[in-house]
Amino acid sequence: MNHFEIVFTTVVVLTVLSAGSATAIVIAVDTRARPGARIVAVRLMKIAVLGAGAVIALLDRGGASSGIQ
């Protein structure tokens, strides 16, 4: 595996795990009664959204907007 594949795979795995963990917390825990669980779920979803943006940026590597050829 080259460096790009390692970075891309790591970002995808962390993104999916963060989103899955947030979903599991929301489904399994009453977040209205436990504000700490809600905070954790919100932060995990922020990580997942950031990861999705990173995946898009990585897929766009070498494009006209990045200046890399």
C-alpha atoms as a PDB file:
ATOM      1  CA  MET A   1       0.000   0.000   0.000  1.00  0.00           C
ATOM      2  CA  ASN A   2       1.252   3.466  -0.777  1.00  0.00           C
ATOM      3  CA  HIS A   3       0.948   6.413   1.597  1.00  0.00           C
ATOM      4  CA  PHE A   4      -2.237   7.737   0.017  1.00  0.00           C
ATOM      5  CA  GLU A   5      -4.046   4.418   0.436  1.00  0.00           C
ATOM      6  CA  ILE A   6      -3.013   4.196   4.086  1.00  0.00           C
ATOM      7  CA  VAL A   7      -4.179   7.739   4.857  1.00  0.00           C
ATOM      8  CA  PHE A   8      -7.403   7.317   2.886  1.00  0.00           C
ATOM      9  CA  THR A   9      -8.249   3.997   4.549  1.00  0.00           C
ATOM     10  CA  THR A  10      -7.530   5.420   7.993  1.00  0.00           C
ATOM     11  CA  VAL A  11      -9.743   8.461   7.404  1.00  0.00           C
ATOM     12  CA  VAL A  12     -12.608   6.326   6.081  1.00  0.00           C
ATOM     13  CA  VAL A  13     -12.389   3.885   8.999  1.00  0.00           C
ATOM     14  CA  LEU A  14     -12.314   6.659  11.611  1.00  0.00           C
ATOM     15  CA  THR A  15     -15.221   8.425   9.914  1.00  0.00           C
ATOM     16  CA  VAL A  16     -17.383   5.307   9.807  1.00  0.00           C
ATOM     17  CA  LEU A  17     -16.521   4.320  13.385  1.00  0.00           C
ATOM     18  CA  SER A  18     -17.297   7.816  14.690  1.00  0.00           C
ATOM     19  CA  ALA A  19     -20.653   7.942  12.927  1.00  0.00           C
ATOM     20  CA  GLY A  20     -21.505   4.412  14.030  1.00  0.00           C
ATOM     21  CA  SER A  21     -20.576   5.127  17.631  1.00  0.00           C
ATOM     22  CA  ALA A  22     -22.661   8.293  17.694  1.00  0.00           C
ATOM     23  CA  THR A  23     -25.616   6.417  16.223  1.00  0.00           C
ATOM     24  CA  ALA A  24     -25.266   3.611  18.771  1.00  0.00           C
ATOM     25  CA  ILE A  25     -25.169   6.103  21.644  1.00  0.00           C
ATOM     26  CA  VAL A  26     -28.283   7.899  20.418  1.00  0.00           C
ATOM     27  CA  ILE A  27     -30.175   4.627  19.950  1.00  0.00           C
ATOM     28  CA  ALA A  28     -29.064   2.932  23.188  1.00  0.00           C
ATOM     29  CA  VAL A  29     -29.041   5.849  25.635  1.00  0.00           C
ATOM     30  CA  ASP A  30     -31.741   8.341  26.579  1.00  0.00           C
ATOM     31  CA  THR A  31     -29.788  11.449  25.645  1.00  0.00           C
ATOM     32  CA  ARG A  32     -32.474  13.730  27.069  1.00  0.00           C
ATOM     33  CA  ALA A  33     -31.856  12.356  30.555  1.00  0.00           C
ATOM     34  CA  ARG A  34     -28.076  12.102  30.140  1.00  0.00           C
ATOM     35  CA  PRO A  35     -26.612  15.308  28.719  1.00  0.00           C
ATOM     36  CA  GLY A  36     -23.094  13.857  28.876  1.00  0.00           C
ATOM     37  CA  ALA A  37     -24.068  11.149  26.395  1.00  0.00           C
ATOM     38  CA  ARG A  38     -25.574  13.791  24.126  1.00  0.00           C
ATOM     39  CA  ILE A  39     -22.359  15.822  24.193  1.00  0.00           C
ATOM     40  CA  VAL A  40     -20.306  12.741  23.308  1.00  0.00           C
ATOM     41  CA  ALA A  41     -22.682  11.856  20.447  1.00  0.00           C
ATOM     42  CA  VAL A  42     -22.562  15.398  19.074  1.00  0.00           C
ATOM     43  CA  ARG A  43     -18.770  15.462  19.170  1.00  0.00           C
ATOM     44  CA  LEU A  44     -18.552  12.078  17.458  1.00  0.00           C
ATOM     45  CA  MET A  45     -20.859  13.330  14.699  1.00  0.00           C
ATOM     46  CA  LYS A  46     -18.693  16.430  14.281  1.00  0.00           C
ATOM     47  CA  ILE A  47     -15.703  14.130  13.830  1.00  0.00           C
ATOM     48  CA  ALA A  48     -17.671  12.097  11.272  1.00  0.00           C
ATOM     49  CA  VAL A  49     -18.632  15.207   9.292  1.00  0.00           C
ATOM     50  CA  LEU A  50     -15.043  16.435   9.372  1.00  0.00           C
ATOM     51  CA  GLY A  51     -13.933  13.001   8.205  1.00  0.00           C
ATOM     52  CA  ALA A  52     -16.422  13.077   5.342  1.00  0.00           C
ATOM     53  CA  GLY A  53     -14.946  16.395   4.262  1.00  0.00           C
ATOM     54  CA  ALA A  54     -11.475  14.902   4.459  1.00  0.00           C
ATOM     55  CA  VAL A  55     -12.564  11.956   2.293  1.00  0.00           C
ATOM     56  CA  ILE A  56     -13.926  14.350  -0.322  1.00  0.00           C
ATOM     57  CA  ALA A  57     -10.720  16.386  -0.215  1.00  0.00           C
ATOM     58  CA  LEU A  58      -8.597  13.255  -0.543  1.00  0.00           C
ATOM     59  CA  LEU A  59     -10.652  12.026  -3.488  1.00  0.00           C
ATOM     60  CA  ASP A  60     -10.170  15.409  -5.158  1.00  0.00           C
ATOM     61  CA  ARG A  61      -6.390  15.200  -4.872  1.00  0.00           C
ATOM     62  CA  GLY A  62      -4.707  16.001  -8.121  1.00  0.00           C
ATOM     63  CA  GLY A  63      -7.674  18.003  -9.365  1.00  0.00           C
ATOM     64  CA  ALA A  64      -7.532  21.482 -10.831  1.00  0.00           C
ATOM     65  CA  SER A  65      -8.518  23.096  -7.526  1.00  0.00           C
ATOM     66  CA  SER A  66      -5.650  21.544  -5.573  1.00  0.00           C
ATOM     67  CA  GLY A  67      -2.889  22.547  -7.948  1.00  0.00           C
ATOM     68  CA  ILE A  68      -1.271  19.111  -7.721  1.00  0.00           C
ATOM     69  CA  GLN A  69      -0.666  17.220 -10.936  1.00  0.00           C
END
